[in-house]
């Protein structure tokens, strides 16, 4: 399912124009991105959590050059679904 599909589904189920739904979806995604960039987690009860995970420094191998490289510690965005959501998907 793409963003356009989501906009179509929400528009049909609510009766709101597609342009308004698209603006709302875009604003939601931008808000989540800005919050995660600031290090703040986003919790949506019954759906899940958008969280920032910290990855530790590690040593990796470049097999084409047969060398080792150090990958610095860094942060990555992650999504953790709620239990209700997980149970719905498992069925």
Protein backbone atom coordinates (compact mmCIF):
# COMPACT_ATOMS: atom_id res chain seq x y z
CA UNK A 1 0.00 0.00 0.00
CA UNK A 2 1.38 3.40 -0.96
CA UNK A 3 0.74 6.86 0.46
CA UNK A 4 -1.69 7.51 -2.41
CA UNK A 5 -3.60 4.34 -1.51
CA UNK A 6 -3.82 5.45 2.12
CA UNK A 7 -5.11 8.88 1.05
CA UNK A 8 -7.74 7.24 -1.18
CA UNK A 9 -8.89 4.86 1.59
CA UNK A 10 -9.17 7.60 4.21
CA UNK A 11 -10.91 9.92 1.76
CA UNK A 12 -13.49 7.30 0.84
CA UNK A 13 -14.14 6.19 4.44
CA UNK A 14 -14.44 9.72 5.88
CA UNK A 15 -15.86 11.68 2.95
CA UNK A 16 -13.09 14.30 3.26
CA UNK A 17 -11.52 15.57 0.03
CA UNK A 18 -8.31 13.87 -1.08
CA UNK A 19 -6.33 17.13 -0.99
CA UNK A 20 -7.18 17.68 2.67
CA UNK A 21 -6.36 14.08 3.57
CA UNK A 22 -3.04 14.30 1.68
CA UNK A 23 -2.13 17.49 3.56
CA UNK A 24 -2.98 15.80 6.86
CA UNK A 25 -0.94 12.68 6.07
CA UNK A 26 2.02 14.81 4.95
CA UNK A 27 1.80 16.92 8.13
CA UNK A 28 1.67 13.77 10.28
CA UNK A 29 4.75 12.28 8.61
CA UNK A 30 6.66 15.57 8.87
CA UNK A 31 5.80 15.85 12.57
CA UNK A 32 7.03 12.30 13.23
CA UNK A 33 10.28 12.95 11.32
CA UNK A 34 10.94 16.21 13.19
CA UNK A 35 10.25 14.60 16.56
CA UNK A 36 12.58 11.69 15.86
CA UNK A 37 15.28 14.05 14.58
CA UNK A 38 15.11 15.88 17.93
CA UNK A 39 15.45 12.54 19.76
CA UNK A 40 11.82 12.45 20.90
CA UNK A 41 9.84 9.22 20.57
CA UNK A 42 6.28 9.22 19.18
CA UNK A 43 3.72 6.99 20.91
CA UNK A 44 0.39 6.15 19.23
CA UNK A 45 -1.74 4.14 21.65
CA UNK A 46 -3.15 1.01 19.99
CA UNK A 47 -0.90 1.39 16.93
CA UNK A 48 2.73 1.52 17.98
CA UNK A 49 5.74 3.67 18.74
CA UNK A 50 8.21 5.42 16.49
CA UNK A 51 11.44 5.36 18.48
CA UNK A 52 15.08 6.29 18.09
CA UNK A 53 17.47 3.40 18.70
CA UNK A 54 21.16 3.79 19.41
CA UNK A 55 23.54 1.53 17.55
CA UNK A 56 26.88 0.87 19.22
CA UNK A 57 30.22 1.28 17.50
CA UNK A 58 31.26 -1.87 15.68
CA UNK A 59 33.96 -3.31 13.48
CA UNK A 60 32.99 -4.43 9.99
CA UNK A 61 34.82 -6.02 7.10
CA UNK A 62 35.06 -4.81 3.53
CA UNK A 63 35.44 -8.19 1.84
CA UNK A 64 36.22 -6.76 -1.61
CA UNK A 65 39.33 -4.98 -0.27
CA UNK A 66 39.94 -7.38 2.63
CA UNK A 67 40.10 -4.56 5.18
CA UNK A 68 38.37 -3.76 8.44
CA UNK A 69 36.51 -0.54 9.05
CA UNK A 70 35.04 1.04 12.15
CA UNK A 71 31.38 2.01 12.01
CA UNK A 72 30.77 4.77 14.55
CA UNK A 73 27.92 4.69 17.04
CA UNK A 74 24.80 6.20 15.50
CA UNK A 75 21.06 6.55 15.89
CA UNK A 76 18.41 4.96 13.65
CA UNK A 77 14.63 5.36 13.52
CA UNK A 78 12.57 2.30 14.38
CA UNK A 79 8.92 1.28 14.71
CA UNK A 80 7.63 -0.94 17.49
CA UNK A 81 4.03 -2.08 16.94
CA UNK A 82 1.55 -2.19 19.84
CA UNK A 83 0.39 -5.57 21.15
CA UNK A 84 -3.12 -4.99 19.79
CA UNK A 85 -1.65 -4.28 16.35
CA UNK A 86 0.62 -7.35 16.53
CA UNK A 87 -2.28 -9.61 17.48
CA UNK A 88 -4.35 -8.28 14.58
CA UNK A 89 -1.55 -9.02 12.09
CA UNK A 90 -0.90 -12.52 13.51
CA UNK A 91 -4.44 -13.71 12.74
